[in-house]
Amino acid sequence: MKNIITTSKAPAPIGPYNQAVLSGNTLYTSGQIALDPETMTLVLDNIQAETKQVMENMKAVLAAADMTFENVVKTSIFISDMNNFGAINDVYGSYFNDATAPARETVEVACLPKNVNVEISMIAIR
């Protein structure tokens, strides 16, 4: 059985998908980009602000499933320019405890939705 997880504290889906799906004790999130959930405008001031908005959106999705970043076991990070990796990693890392940080891959891609610079998805377990 799957339960659809939604929250108004993260951007509403802009296509045929949900913010997250909970199956048993496992939460699968859709990728988040730097959309401000209140205005649905992109936060693209700089790569740090963009990454922070992505992580805050993800925090809201996790909270809607009664989870936190401590529940995250796997993340996928898609970036448009590997030269931004260090700045993205600094912001991303501030949301996790190094000793319990999740597994992760980071992949440079040719293009992301709305031409953003970073998109992150997660898998979390209760």
PDB file of N, CA and C in Angstrom:
ATOM      1  N   MET A   1       0.839  -1.176   0.000  1.00  0.00           N
ATOM      2  CA  MET A   1       0.000   0.000   0.000  1.00  0.00           C
ATOM      3  C   MET A   1       0.886   1.242   0.000  1.00  0.00           C
ATOM      4  N   LYS A   2       0.438   2.244  -0.713  1.00  0.00           N
ATOM      5  CA  LYS A   2       1.196   3.486  -0.713  1.00  0.00           C
ATOM      6  C   LYS A   2       0.312   4.631  -0.254  1.00  0.00           C
ATOM      7  N   ASN A   3       0.928   5.550   0.481  1.00  0.00           N
ATOM      8  CA  ASN A   3       0.254   6.747   0.960  1.00  0.00           C
ATOM      9  C   ASN A   3       0.920   7.955   0.326  1.00  0.00           C
ATOM     10  N   ILE A   4       0.122   8.828  -0.226  1.00  0.00           N
ATOM     11  CA  ILE A   4       0.637  10.047  -0.848  1.00  0.00           C
ATOM     12  C   ILE A   4       0.875  11.088   0.242  1.00  0.00           C
ATOM     13  N   ILE A   5       2.059  11.661   0.237  1.00  0.00           N
ATOM     14  CA  ILE A   5       2.439  12.691   1.212  1.00  0.00           C
ATOM     15  C   ILE A   5       2.437  14.043   0.507  1.00  0.00           C
ATOM     16  N   THR A   6       1.709  14.992   1.080  1.00  0.00           N
ATOM     17  CA  THR A   6       1.673  16.343   0.521  1.00  0.00           C
ATOM     18  C   THR A   6       1.752  17.373   1.654  1.00  0.00           C
ATOM     19  N   THR A   7       2.277  18.519   1.322  1.00  0.00           N
ATOM     20  CA  THR A   7       2.329  19.637   2.256  1.00  0.00           C
ATOM     21  C   THR A   7       2.313  20.944   1.478  1.00  0.00           C
ATOM     22  N   SER A   8       1.667  21.935   2.031  1.00  0.00           N
ATOM     23  CA  SER A   8       1.672  23.268   1.416  1.00  0.00           C
ATOM     24  C   SER A   8       2.967  24.016   1.738  1.00  0.00           C
ATOM     25  N   LYS A   9       3.807  23.430   2.594  1.00  0.00           N
ATOM     26  CA  LYS A   9       5.071  24.064   2.978  1.00  0.00           C
ATOM     27  C   LYS A   9       6.209  23.740   2.010  1.00  0.00           C
ATOM     28  N   ALA A  10       5.888  22.990   0.961  1.00  0.00           N
ATOM     29  CA  ALA A  10       6.828  22.710  -0.128  1.00  0.00           C
ATOM     30  C   ALA A  10       6.075  22.985  -1.427  1.00  0.00           C
ATOM     31  N   PRO A  11       6.796  23.228  -2.512  1.00  0.00           N
ATOM     32  CA  PRO A  11       6.127  23.544  -3.771  1.00  0.00           C
ATOM     33  C   PRO A  11       5.172  22.437  -4.213  1.00  0.00           C
ATOM     34  N   ALA A  12       4.016  22.854  -4.706  1.00  0.00           N
ATOM     35  CA  ALA A  12       3.064  21.902  -5.272  1.00  0.00           C
ATOM     36  C   ALA A  12       3.668  21.299  -6.534  1.00  0.00           C
ATOM     37  N   PRO A  13       3.366  20.053  -6.817  1.00  0.00           N
ATOM     38  CA  PRO A  13       3.889  19.430  -8.036  1.00  0.00           C
ATOM     39  C   PRO A  13       3.477  20.221  -9.277  1.00  0.00           C
ATOM     40  N   ILE A  14       4.379  20.250 -10.252  1.00  0.00           N
ATOM     41  CA  ILE A  14       4.101  20.966 -11.501  1.00  0.00           C
ATOM     42  C   ILE A  14       3.937  19.978 -12.656  1.00  0.00           C
ATOM     43  N   GLY A  15       3.561  18.760 -12.306  1.00  0.00           N
ATOM     44  CA  GLY A  15       3.365  17.710 -13.304  1.00  0.00           C
ATOM     45  C   GLY A  15       2.652  16.537 -12.680  1.00  0.00           C
ATOM     46  N   PRO A  16       2.603  15.410 -13.381  1.00  0.00           N
ATOM     47  CA  PRO A  16       1.893  14.232 -12.884  1.00  0.00           C
ATOM     48  C   PRO A  16       2.718  13.406 -11.898  1.00  0.00           C
ATOM     49  N   TYR A  17       2.955  13.975 -10.725  1.00  0.00           N
ATOM     50  CA  TYR A  17       3.705  13.301  -9.665  1.00  0.00           C
ATOM     51  C   TYR A  17       3.281  13.886  -8.328  1.00  0.00           C
ATOM     52  N   ASN A  18       3.688  13.285  -7.241  1.00  0.00           N
ATOM     53  CA  ASN A  18       3.414  13.767  -5.895  1.00  0.00           C
ATOM     54  C   ASN A  18       4.716  14.163  -5.221  1.00  0.00           C
ATOM     55  N   GLN A  19       4.603  14.951  -4.153  1.00  0.00           N
ATOM     56  CA  GLN A  19       5.792  15.373  -3.426  1.00  0.00           C
ATOM     57  C   GLN A  19       6.538  14.178  -2.848  1.00  0.00           C
ATOM     58  N   ALA A  20       5.789  13.188  -2.369  1.00  0.00           N
ATOM     59  CA  ALA A  20       6.415  11.986  -1.815  1.00  0.00           C
ATOM     60  C   ALA A  20       5.386  10.872  -1.726  1.00  0.00           C
ATOM     61  N   VAL A  21       5.897   9.649  -1.675  1.00  0.00           N
ATOM     62  CA  VAL A  21       5.065   8.464  -1.499  1.00  0.00           C
ATOM     63  C   VAL A  21       5.658   7.659  -0.350  1.00  0.00           C
ATOM     64  N   LEU A  22       4.801   7.314   0.613  1.00  0.00           N
ATOM     65  CA  LEU A  22       5.199   6.483   1.728  1.00  0.00           C
ATOM     66  C   LEU A  22       4.684   5.077   1.473  1.00  0.00           C
ATOM     67  N   SER A  23       5.581   4.127   1.416  1.00  0.00           N
ATOM     68  CA  SER A  23       5.232   2.720   1.222  1.00  0.00           C
ATOM     69  C   SER A  23       5.805   1.945   2.402  1.00  0.00           C
ATOM     70  N   GLY A  24       4.921   1.443   3.257  1.00  0.00           N
ATOM     71  CA  GLY A  24       5.403   0.817   4.489  1.00  0.00           C
ATOM     72  C   GLY A  24       6.109   1.853   5.336  1.00  0.00           C
ATOM     73  N   ASN A  25       7.337   1.581   5.680  1.00  0.00           N
ATOM     74  CA  ASN A  25       8.140   2.522   6.477  1.00  0.00           C
ATOM     75  C   ASN A  25       9.109   3.331   5.631  1.00  0.00           C
ATOM     76  N   THR A  26       8.988   3.228   4.304  1.00  0.00           N
ATOM     77  CA  THR A  26       9.941   3.894   3.418  1.00  0.00           C
ATOM     78  C   THR A  26       9.278   5.052   2.682  1.00  0.00           C
ATOM     79  N   LEU A  27       9.927   6.213   2.728  1.00  0.00           N
ATOM     80  CA  LEU A  27       9.454   7.407   2.049  1.00  0.00           C
ATOM     81  C   LEU A  27      10.327   7.666   0.828  1.00  0.00           C
ATOM     82  N   TYR A  28       9.692   7.820  -0.309  1.00  0.00           N
ATOM     83  CA  TYR A  28      10.375   8.160  -1.558  1.00  0.00           C
ATOM     84  C   TYR A  28       9.928   9.571  -1.932  1.00  0.00           C
ATOM     85  N   THR A  29      10.871  10.503  -1.973  1.00  0.00           N
ATOM     86  CA  THR A  29      10.507  11.873  -2.324  1.00  0.00           C
ATOM     87  C   THR A  29      10.764  12.133  -3.804  1.00  0.00           C
ATOM     88  N   SER A  30       9.971  13.015  -4.348  1.00  0.00           N
ATOM     89  CA  SER A  30      10.272  13.525  -5.684  1.00  0.00           C
ATOM     90  C   SER A  30      11.404  14.527  -5.550  1.00  0.00           C
ATOM     91  N   GLY A  31      12.061  14.815  -6.646  1.00  0.00           N
ATOM     92  CA  GLY A  31      13.118  15.812  -6.617  1.00  0.00           C
ATOM     93  C   GLY A  31      12.553  17.183  -6.293  1.00  0.00           C
ATOM     94  N   GLN A  32      13.283  17.923  -5.496  1.00  0.00           N
ATOM     95  CA  GLN A  32      12.911  19.294  -5.168  1.00  0.00           C
ATOM     96  C   GLN A  32      13.887  20.249  -5.834  1.00  0.00           C
ATOM     97  N   ILE A  33      13.331  21.327  -6.359  1.00  0.00           N
ATOM     98  CA  ILE A  33      14.139  22.415  -6.883  1.00  0.00           C
ATOM     99  C   ILE A  33      13.859  23.643  -6.017  1.00  0.00           C
ATOM    100  N   ALA A  34      14.482  24.748  -6.313  1.00  0.00           N
ATOM    101  CA  ALA A  34      14.425  25.929  -5.444  1.00  0.00           C
ATOM    102  C   ALA A  34      13.204  26.807  -5.691  1.00  0.00           C
ATOM    103  N   LEU A  35      12.036  26.198  -5.711  1.00  0.00           N
ATOM    104  CA  LEU A  35      10.804  26.975  -5.795  1.00  0.00           C
ATOM    105  C   LEU A  35      10.372  27.380  -4.390  1.00  0.00           C
ATOM    106  N   ASP A  36      10.084  28.653  -4.206  1.00  0.00           N
ATOM    107  CA  ASP A  36       9.524  29.132  -2.948  1.00  0.00           C
ATOM    108  C   ASP A  36       8.070  28.656  -2.912  1.00  0.00           C
ATOM    109  N   PRO A  37       7.669  27.870  -1.906  1.00  0.00           N
ATOM    110  CA  PRO A  37       6.320  27.310  -1.903  1.00  0.00           C
ATOM    111  C   PRO A  37       5.201  28.341  -1.767  1.00  0.00           C
ATOM    112  N   GLU A  38       5.509  29.505  -1.228  1.00  0.00           N
ATOM    113  CA  GLU A  38       4.484  30.537  -1.062  1.00  0.00           C
ATOM    114  C   GLU A  38       4.228  31.294  -2.358  1.00  0.00           C
ATOM    115  N   THR A  39       5.290  31.556  -3.108  1.00  0.00           N
ATOM    116  CA  THR A  39       5.152  32.374  -4.324  1.00  0.00           C
ATOM    117  C   THR A  39       5.301  31.578  -5.607  1.00  0.00           C
ATOM    118  N   MET A  40       5.821  30.344  -5.476  1.00  0.00           N
ATOM    119  CA  MET A  40       6.130  29.490  -6.629  1.00  0.00           C
ATOM    120  C   MET A  40       7.091  30.185  -7.598  1.00  0.00           C
ATOM    121  N   THR A  41       7.960  31.042  -7.032  1.00  0.00           N
ATOM    122  CA  THR A  41       9.021  31.654  -7.823  1.00  0.00           C
ATOM    123  C   THR A  41      10.336  30.983  -7.443  1.00  0.00           C
ATOM    124  N   LEU A  42      11.267  30.970  -8.375  1.00  0.00           N
ATOM    125  CA  LEU A  42      12.557  30.350  -8.141  1.00  0.00           C
ATOM    126  C   LEU A  42      13.465  31.233  -7.293  1.00  0.00           C
ATOM    127  N   VAL A  43      14.209  30.620  -6.399  1.00  0.00           N
ATOM    128  CA  VAL A  43      15.213  31.308  -5.590  1.00  0.00           C
ATOM    129  C   VAL A  43      16.555  31.007  -6.240  1.00  0.00           C
ATOM    130  N   LEU A  44      17.040  31.961  -7.026  1.00  0.00           N
ATOM    131  CA  LEU A  44      18.270  31.751  -7.786  1.00  0.00           C
ATOM    132  C   LEU A  44      19.305  32.841  -7.525  1.00  0.00           C
ATOM    133  N   ASP A  45      19.248  33.457  -6.337  1.00  0.00           N
ATOM    134  CA  ASP A  45      20.174  34.550  -6.010  1.00  0.00           C
ATOM    135  C   ASP A  45      21.629  34.115  -6.158  1.00  0.00           C
ATOM    136  N   ASN A  46      21.952  32.935  -5.636  1.00  0.00           N
ATOM    137  CA  ASN A  46      23.272  32.329  -5.762  1.00  0.00           C
ATOM    138  C   ASN A  46      23.106  30.847  -5.473  1.00  0.00           C
ATOM    139  N   ILE A  47      24.141  30.061  -5.694  1.00  0.00           N
ATOM    140  CA  ILE A  47      24.008  28.611  -5.563  1.00  0.00           C
ATOM    141  C   ILE A  47      23.745  28.201  -4.115  1.00  0.00           C
ATOM    142  N   GLN A  48      24.260  28.959  -3.144  1.00  0.00           N
ATOM    143  CA  GLN A  48      24.005  28.636  -1.746  1.00  0.00           C
ATOM    144  C   GLN A  48      22.530  28.863  -1.399  1.00  0.00           C
ATOM    145  N   ALA A  49      21.975  29.990  -1.813  1.00  0.00           N
ATOM    146  CA  ALA A  49      20.556  30.277  -1.545  1.00  0.00           C
ATOM    147  C   ALA A  49      19.661  29.282  -2.263  1.00  0.00           C
ATOM    148  N   GLU A  50      20.036  28.922  -3.468  1.00  0.00           N
ATOM    149  CA  GLU A  50      19.263  27.949  -4.229  1.00  0.00           C
ATOM    150  C   GLU A  50      19.264  26.587  -3.513  1.00  0.00           C
ATOM    151  N   THR A  51      20.427  26.144  -3.089  1.00  0.00           N
ATOM    152  CA  THR A  51      20.530  24.856  -2.404  1.00  0.00           C
ATOM    153  C   THR A  51      19.783  24.889  -1.082  1.00  0.00           C
ATOM    154  N   LYS A  52      19.870  25.996  -0.346  1.00  0.00           N
ATOM    155  CA  LYS A  52      19.148  26.116   0.925  1.00  0.00           C
ATOM    156  C   LYS A  52      17.646  25.994   0.698  1.00  0.00           C
ATOM    157  N   GLN A  53      17.123  26.610  -0.350  1.00  0.00           N
ATOM    158  CA  GLN A  53      15.689  26.509  -0.624  1.00  0.00           C
ATOM    159  C   GLN A  53      15.294  25.069  -0.947  1.00  0.00           C
ATOM    160  N   VAL A  54      16.128  24.386  -1.728  1.00  0.00           N
ATOM    161  CA  VAL A  54      15.876  22.972  -2.033  1.00  0.00           C
ATOM    162  C   VAL A  54      15.816  22.167  -0.733  1.00  0.00           C
ATOM    163  N   MET A  55      16.771  22.373   0.155  1.00  0.00           N
ATOM    164  CA  MET A  55      16.818  21.604   1.403  1.00  0.00           C
ATOM    165  C   MET A  55      15.658  21.966   2.330  1.00  0.00           C
ATOM    166  N   GLU A  56      15.252  23.217   2.348  1.00  0.00           N
ATOM    167  CA  GLU A  56      14.099  23.612   3.164  1.00  0.00           C
ATOM    168  C   GLU A  56      12.815  22.984   2.609  1.00  0.00           C
ATOM    169  N   ASN A  57      12.707  22.911   1.289  1.00  0.00           N
ATOM    170  CA  ASN A  57      11.557  22.231   0.678  1.00  0.00           C
ATOM    171  C   ASN A  57      11.557  20.764   1.075  1.00  0.00           C
ATOM    172  N   MET A  58      12.727  20.141   1.023  1.00  0.00           N
ATOM    173  CA  MET A  58      12.818  18.731   1.390  1.00  0.00           C
ATOM    174  C   MET A  58      12.511  18.533   2.864  1.00  0.00           C
ATOM    175  N   LYS A  59      12.966  19.450   3.706  1.00  0.00           N
ATOM    176  CA  LYS A  59      12.669  19.385   5.142  1.00  0.00           C
ATOM    177  C   LYS A  59      11.158  19.384   5.378  1.00  0.00           C
ATOM    178  N   ALA A  60      10.434  20.210   4.628  1.00  0.00           N
ATOM    179  CA  ALA A  60       8.973  20.286   4.762  1.00  0.00           C
ATOM    180  C   ALA A  60       8.305  18.987   4.322  1.00  0.00           C
ATOM    181  N   VAL A  61       8.793  18.378   3.259  1.00  0.00           N
ATOM    182  CA  VAL A  61       8.235  17.108   2.783  1.00  0.00           C
ATOM    183  C   VAL A  61       8.488  16.014   3.813  1.00  0.00           C
ATOM    184  N   LEU A  62       9.695  15.957   4.341  1.00  0.00           N
ATOM    185  CA  LEU A  62      10.012  14.976   5.381  1.00  0.00           C
ATOM    186  C   LEU A  62       9.110  15.177   6.602  1.00  0.00           C
ATOM    187  N   ALA A  63       8.932  16.418   7.018  1.00  0.00           N
ATOM    188  CA  ALA A  63       8.092  16.713   8.186  1.00  0.00           C
ATOM    189  C   ALA A  63       6.647  16.279   7.953  1.00  0.00           C
ATOM    190  N   ALA A  64       6.160  16.420   6.732  1.00  0.00           N
ATOM    191  CA  ALA A  64       4.790  16.001   6.417  1.00  0.00           C
ATOM    192  C   ALA A  64       4.607  14.502   6.592  1.00  0.00           C
ATOM    193  N   ALA A  65       5.709  13.765   6.541  1.00  0.00           N
ATOM    194  CA  ALA A  65       5.686  12.311   6.764  1.00  0.00           C
ATOM    195  C   ALA A  65       6.164  11.967   8.177  1.00  0.00           C
ATOM    196  N   ASP A  66       6.224  12.969   9.052  1.00  0.00           N
ATOM    197  CA  ASP A  66       6.709  12.790  10.424  1.00  0.00           C
ATOM    198  C   ASP A  66       8.128  12.239  10.454  1.00  0.00           C
ATOM    199  N   MET A  67       8.981  12.785   9.588  1.00  0.00           N
ATOM    200  CA  MET A  67      10.382  12.391   9.534  1.00  0.00           C
ATOM    201  C   MET A  67      11.257  13.635   9.537  1.00  0.00           C
ATOM    202  N   THR A  68      12.569  13.402   9.721  1.00  0.00           N
ATOM    203  CA  THR A  68      13.569  14.462   9.665  1.00  0.00           C
ATOM    204  C   THR A  68      14.719  13.976   8.789  1.00  0.00           C
ATOM    205  N   PHE A  69      15.734  14.795   8.663  1.00  0.00           N
ATOM    206  CA  PHE A  69      16.914  14.392   7.901  1.00  0.00           C
ATOM    207  C   PHE A  69      17.606  13.185   8.530  1.00  0.00           C
ATOM    208  N   GLU A  70      17.379  12.941   9.811  1.00  0.00           N
ATOM    209  CA  GLU A  70      17.954  11.761  10.464  1.00  0.00           C
ATOM    210  C   GLU A  70      17.384  10.464   9.896  1.00  0.00           C
ATOM    211  N   ASN A  71      16.199  10.526   9.290  1.00  0.00           N
ATOM    212  CA  ASN A  71      15.574   9.341   8.699  1.00  0.00           C
ATOM    213  C   ASN A  71      16.080   9.050   7.285  1.00  0.00           C
ATOM    214  N   VAL A  72      16.780   9.992   6.693  1.00  0.00           N
ATOM    215  CA  VAL A  72      17.204   9.857   5.294  1.00  0.00           C
ATOM    216  C   VAL A  72      18.336   8.836   5.183  1.00  0.00           C
ATOM    217  N   VAL A  73      18.157   7.868   4.279  1.00  0.00           N
ATOM    218  CA  VAL A  73      19.185   6.841   4.064  1.00  0.00           C
ATOM    219  C   VAL A  73      19.877   6.981   2.717  1.00  0.00           C
ATOM    220  N   LYS A  74      19.283   7.735   1.795  1.00  0.00           N
ATOM    221  CA  LYS A  74      19.871   7.866   0.445  1.00  0.00           C
ATOM    222  C   LYS A  74      19.423   9.179  -0.175  1.00  0.00           C
ATOM    223  N   THR A  75      20.347   9.885  -0.788  1.00  0.00           N
ATOM    224  CA  THR A  75      19.998  11.092  -1.538  1.00  0.00           C
ATOM    225  C   THR A  75      20.587  11.001  -2.936  1.00  0.00           C
ATOM    226  N   SER A  76      19.928  11.672  -3.833  1.00  0.00           N
ATOM    227  CA  SER A  76      20.423  11.840  -5.202  1.00  0.00           C
ATOM    228  C   SER A  76      20.470  13.336  -5.471  1.00  0.00           C
ATOM    229  N   ILE A  77      21.619  13.810  -5.893  1.00  0.00           N
ATOM    230  CA  ILE A  77      21.794  15.233  -6.191  1.00  0.00           C
ATOM    231  C   ILE A  77      22.150  15.358  -7.665  1.00  0.00           C
ATOM    232  N   PHE A  78      21.384  16.165  -8.355  1.00  0.00           N
ATOM    233  CA  PHE A  78      21.627  16.441  -9.768  1.00  0.00           C
ATOM    234  C   PHE A  78      22.008  17.908  -9.876  1.00  0.00           C
ATOM    235  N   ILE A  79      23.171  18.168 -10.499  1.00  0.00           N
ATOM    236  CA  ILE A  79      23.639  19.547 -10.631  1.00  0.00           C
ATOM    237  C   ILE A  79      23.989  19.839 -12.087  1.00  0.00           C
ATOM    238  N   SER A  80      23.826  21.085 -12.465  1.00  0.00           N
ATOM    239  CA  SER A  80      24.072  21.467 -13.860  1.00  0.00           C
ATOM    240  C   SER A  80      25.539  21.798 -14.126  1.00  0.00           C
ATOM    241  N   ASP A  81      26.318  22.000 -13.054  1.00  0.00           N
ATOM    242  CA  ASP A  81      27.729  22.360 -13.218  1.00  0.00           C
ATOM    243  C   ASP A  81      28.522  21.815 -12.034  1.00  0.00           C
ATOM    244  N   MET A  82      29.380  20.856 -12.275  1.00  0.00           N
ATOM    245  CA  MET A  82      30.153  20.228 -11.208  1.00  0.00           C
ATOM    246  C   MET A  82      31.052  21.241 -10.486  1.00  0.00           C
ATOM    247  N   ASN A  83      31.307  22.388 -11.095  1.00  0.00           N
ATOM    248  CA  ASN A  83      32.083  23.433 -10.432  1.00  0.00           C
ATOM    249  C   ASN A  83      31.348  23.992  -9.211  1.00  0.00           C
ATOM    250  N   ASN A  84      30.027  23.781  -9.135  1.00  0.00           N
ATOM    251  CA  ASN A  84      29.240  24.233  -7.986  1.00  0.00           C
ATOM    252  C   ASN A  84      29.189  23.203  -6.860  1.00  0.00           C
ATOM    253  N   PHE A  85      29.835  22.054  -7.059  1.00  0.00           N
ATOM    254  CA  PHE A  85      29.739  20.961  -6.097  1.00  0.00           C
ATOM    255  C   PHE A  85      30.111  21.386  -4.679  1.00  0.00           C
ATOM    256  N   GLY A  86      31.218  22.076  -4.507  1.00  0.00           N
ATOM    257  CA  GLY A  86      31.681  22.467  -3.174  1.00  0.00           C
ATOM    258  C   GLY A  86      30.677  23.326  -2.436  1.00  0.00           C
ATOM    259  N   ALA A  87      30.129  24.332  -3.108  1.00  0.00           N
ATOM    260  CA  ALA A  87      29.156  25.225  -2.479  1.00  0.00           C
ATOM    261  C   ALA A  87      27.864  24.482  -2.154  1.00  0.00           C
ATOM    262  N   ILE A  88      27.415  23.633  -3.069  1.00  0.00           N
ATOM    263  CA  ILE A  88      26.206  22.832  -2.831  1.00  0.00           C
ATOM    264  C   ILE A  88      26.455  21.894  -1.656  1.00  0.00           C
ATOM    265  N   ASN A  89      27.585  21.233  -1.642  1.00  0.00           N
ATOM    266  CA  ASN A  89      27.925  20.278  -0.595  1.00  0.00           C
ATOM    267  C   ASN A  89      27.980  20.931   0.777  1.00  0.00           C
ATOM    268  N   ASP A  90      28.502  22.157   0.853  1.00  0.00           N
ATOM    269  CA  ASP A  90      28.567  22.870   2.128  1.00  0.00           C
ATOM    270  C   ASP A  90      27.173  23.092   2.705  1.00  0.00           C
ATOM    271  N   VAL A  91      26.249  23.558   1.874  1.00  0.00           N
ATOM    272  CA  VAL A  91      24.880  23.805   2.340  1.00  0.00           C
ATOM    273  C   VAL A  91      24.201  22.476   2.663  1.00  0.00           C
ATOM    274  N   TYR A  92      24.265  21.533   1.753  1.00  0.00           N
ATOM    275  CA  TYR A  92      23.662  20.211   1.936  1.00  0.00           C
ATOM    276  C   TYR A  92      24.171  19.576   3.236  1.00  0.00           C
ATOM    277  N   GLY A  93      25.469  19.611   3.451  1.00  0.00           N
ATOM    278  CA  GLY A  93      26.070  18.988   4.615  1.00  0.00           C
ATOM    279  C   GLY A  93      25.632  19.593   5.932  1.00  0.00           C
ATOM    280  N   SER A  94      25.226  20.855   5.921  1.00  0.00           N
ATOM    281  CA  SER A  94      24.794  21.511   7.155  1.00  0.00           C
ATOM    282  C   SER A  94      23.470  20.944   7.685  1.00  0.00           C
ATOM    283  N   TYR A  95      22.778  20.168   6.886  1.00  0.00           N
ATOM    284  CA  TYR A  95      21.503  19.572   7.289  1.00  0.00           C
ATOM    285  C   TYR A  95      21.672  18.161   7.857  1.00  0.00           C
ATOM    286  N   PHE A  96      22.887  17.630   7.825  1.00  0.00           N
ATOM    287  CA  PHE A  96      23.125  16.261   8.273  1.00  0.00           C
ATOM    288  C   PHE A  96      24.228  16.207   9.319  1.00  0.00           C
ATOM    289  N   ASN A  97      24.175  15.169  10.134  1.00  0.00           N
ATOM    290  CA  ASN A  97      25.239  14.838  11.070  1.00  0.00           C
ATOM    291  C   ASN A  97      26.211  13.967  10.279  1.00  0.00           C
ATOM    292  N   ASP A  98      27.483  14.335  10.231  1.00  0.00           N
ATOM    293  CA  ASP A  98      28.466  13.580   9.446  1.00  0.00           C
ATOM    294  C   ASP A  98      28.500  12.094   9.810  1.00  0.00           C
ATOM    295  N   ALA A  99      28.327  11.777  11.083  1.00  0.00           N
ATOM    296  CA  ALA A  99      28.421  10.384  11.529  1.00  0.00           C
ATOM    297  C   ALA A  99      27.254   9.527  11.033  1.00  0.00           C
ATOM    298  N   THR A 100      26.105  10.167  10.754  1.00  0.00           N
ATOM    299  CA  THR A 100      24.923   9.405  10.327  1.00  0.00           C
ATOM    300  C   THR A 100      24.398   9.861   8.970  1.00  0.00           C
ATOM    301  N   ALA A 101      25.218  10.567   8.232  1.00  0.00           N
ATOM    302  CA  ALA A 101      24.794  11.084   6.920  1.00  0.00           C
ATOM    303  C   ALA A 101      24.395   9.925   5.998  1.00  0.00           C
ATOM    304  N   PRO A 102      23.463  10.181   5.080  1.00  0.00           N
ATOM    305  CA  PRO A 102      22.997   9.118   4.186  1.00  0.00           C
ATOM    306  C   PRO A 102      23.997   8.794   3.080  1.00  0.00           C
ATOM    307  N   ALA A 103      23.745   7.681   2.406  1.00  0.00           N
ATOM    308  CA  ALA A 103      24.463   7.383   1.169  1.00  0.00           C
ATOM    309  C   ALA A 103      24.017   8.429   0.136  1.00  0.00           C
ATOM    310  N   ARG A 104      24.848   8.635  -0.895  1.00  0.00           N
ATOM    311  CA  ARG A 104      24.518   9.705  -1.836  1.00  0.00           C
ATOM    312  C   ARG A 104      25.247   9.509  -3.148  1.00  0.00           C
ATOM    313  N   GLU A 105      24.622  10.003  -4.210  1.00  0.00           N
ATOM    314  CA  GLU A 105      25.349  10.208  -5.461  1.00  0.00           C
ATOM    315  C   GLU A 105      25.090  11.631  -5.918  1.00  0.00           C
ATOM    316  N   THR A 106      26.061  12.183  -6.595  1.00  0.00           N
ATOM    317  CA  THR A 106      25.943  13.513  -7.178  1.00  0.00           C
ATOM    318  C   THR A 106      26.311  13.390  -8.641  1.00  0.00           C
ATOM    319  N   VAL A 107      25.408  13.846  -9.498  1.00  0.00           N
ATOM    320  CA  VAL A 107      25.581  13.669 -10.931  1.00  0.00           C
ATOM    321  C   VAL A 107      25.411  15.005 -11.634  1.00  0.00           C
ATOM    322  N   GLU A 108      26.348  15.316 -12.531  1.00  0.00           N
ATOM    323  CA  GLU A 108      26.185  16.495 -13.371  1.00  0.00           C
ATOM    324  C   GLU A 108      25.307  16.116 -14.556  1.00  0.00           C
ATOM    325  N   VAL A 109      24.314  16.958 -14.826  1.00  0.00           N
ATOM    326  CA  VAL A 109      23.378  16.708 -15.919  1.00  0.00           C
ATOM    327  C   VAL A 109      23.360  17.909 -16.872  1.00  0.00           C
ATOM    328  N   ALA A 110      22.872  17.679 -18.077  1.00  0.00           N
ATOM    329  CA  ALA A 110      22.866  18.729 -19.098  1.00  0.00           C
ATOM    330  C   ALA A 110      21.860  19.832 -18.788  1.00  0.00           C
ATOM    331  N   CYS A 111      20.711  19.460 -18.237  1.00  0.00           N
ATOM    332  CA  CYS A 111      19.674  20.458 -17.980  1.00  0.00           C
ATOM    333  C   CYS A 111      18.727  19.927 -16.912  1.00  0.00           C
ATOM    334  N   LEU A 112      18.226  20.825 -16.080  1.00  0.00           N
ATOM    335  CA  LEU A 112      17.264  20.480 -15.042  1.00  0.00           C
ATOM    336  C   LEU A 112      15.978  21.267 -15.264  1.00  0.00           C
ATOM    337  N   PRO A 113      14.864  20.855 -14.638  1.00  0.00           N
ATOM    338  CA  PRO A 113      13.603  21.577 -14.813  1.00  0.00           C
ATOM    339  C   PRO A 113      13.753  23.065 -14.528  1.00  0.00           C
ATOM    340  N   LYS A 114      13.123  23.859 -15.355  1.00  0.00           N
ATOM    341  CA  LYS A 114      13.142  25.321 -15.220  1.00  0.00           C
ATOM    342  C   LYS A 114      14.556  25.895 -15.246  1.00  0.00           C
ATOM    343  N   ASN A 115      15.500  25.136 -15.787  1.00  0.00           N
ATOM    344  CA  ASN A 115      16.898  25.554 -15.910  1.00  0.00           C
ATOM    345  C   ASN A 115      17.546  25.910 -14.574  1.00  0.00           C
ATOM    346  N   VAL A 116      17.153  25.196 -13.510  1.00  0.00           N
ATOM    347  CA  VAL A 116      17.775  25.415 -12.205  1.00  0.00           C
ATOM    348  C   VAL A 116      19.164  24.780 -12.193  1.00  0.00           C
ATOM    349  N   ASN A 117      19.888  25.002 -11.111  1.00  0.00           N
ATOM    350  CA  ASN A 117      21.249  24.503 -10.987  1.00  0.00           C
ATOM    351  C   ASN A 117      21.378  23.247 -10.145  1.00  0.00           C
ATOM    352  N   VAL A 118      20.344  22.943  -9.341  1.00  0.00           N
ATOM    353  CA  VAL A 118      20.409  21.782  -8.449  1.00  0.00           C
ATOM    354  C   VAL A 118      19.015  21.227  -8.195  1.00  0.00           C
ATOM    355  N   GLU A 119      18.928  19.897  -8.148  1.00  0.00           N
ATOM    356  CA  GLU A 119      17.697  19.187  -7.775  1.00  0.00           C
ATOM    357  C   GLU A 119      18.116  18.029  -6.870  1.00  0.00           C
ATOM    358  N   ILE A 120      17.357  17.827  -5.799  1.00  0.00           N
ATOM    359  CA  ILE A 120      17.691  16.778  -4.824  1.00  0.00           C
ATOM    360  C   ILE A 120      16.456  15.946  -4.521  1.00  0.00           C
ATOM    361  N   SER A 121      16.646  14.620  -4.490  1.00  0.00           N
ATOM    362  CA  SER A 121      15.595  13.708  -4.032  1.00  0.00           C
ATOM    363  C   SER A 121      16.163  12.848  -2.917  1.00  0.00           C
ATOM    364  N   MET A 122      15.261  12.230  -2.141  1.00  0.00           N
ATOM    365  CA  MET A 122      15.702  11.456  -0.979  1.00  0.00           C
ATOM    366  C   MET A 122      14.849  10.208  -0.780  1.00  0.00           C
ATOM    367  N   ILE A 123      15.433   9.253  -0.091  1.00  0.00           N
ATOM    368  CA  ILE A 123      14.718   8.085   0.414  1.00  0.00           C
ATOM    369  C   ILE A 123      14.956   8.088   1.912  1.00  0.00           C
ATOM    370  N   ALA A 124      13.861   7.947   2.679  1.00  0.00           N
ATOM    371  CA  ALA A 124      13.952   7.951   4.140  1.00  0.00           C
ATOM    372  C   ALA A 124      13.198   6.761   4.705  1.00  0.00           C
ATOM    373  N   ILE A 125      13.632   6.294   5.870  1.00  0.00           N
ATOM    374  CA  ILE A 125      13.017   5.142   6.513  1.00  0.00           C
ATOM    375  C   ILE A 125      12.711   5.476   7.972  1.00  0.00           C
ATOM    376  N   ARG A 126      11.541   5.030   8.423  1.00  0.00           N
ATOM    377  CA  ARG A 126      11.164   5.219   9.839  1.00  0.00           C
ATOM    378  C   ARG A 126      11.853   4.189  10.698  1.00  0.00           C
TER     379      ARG A 126
END
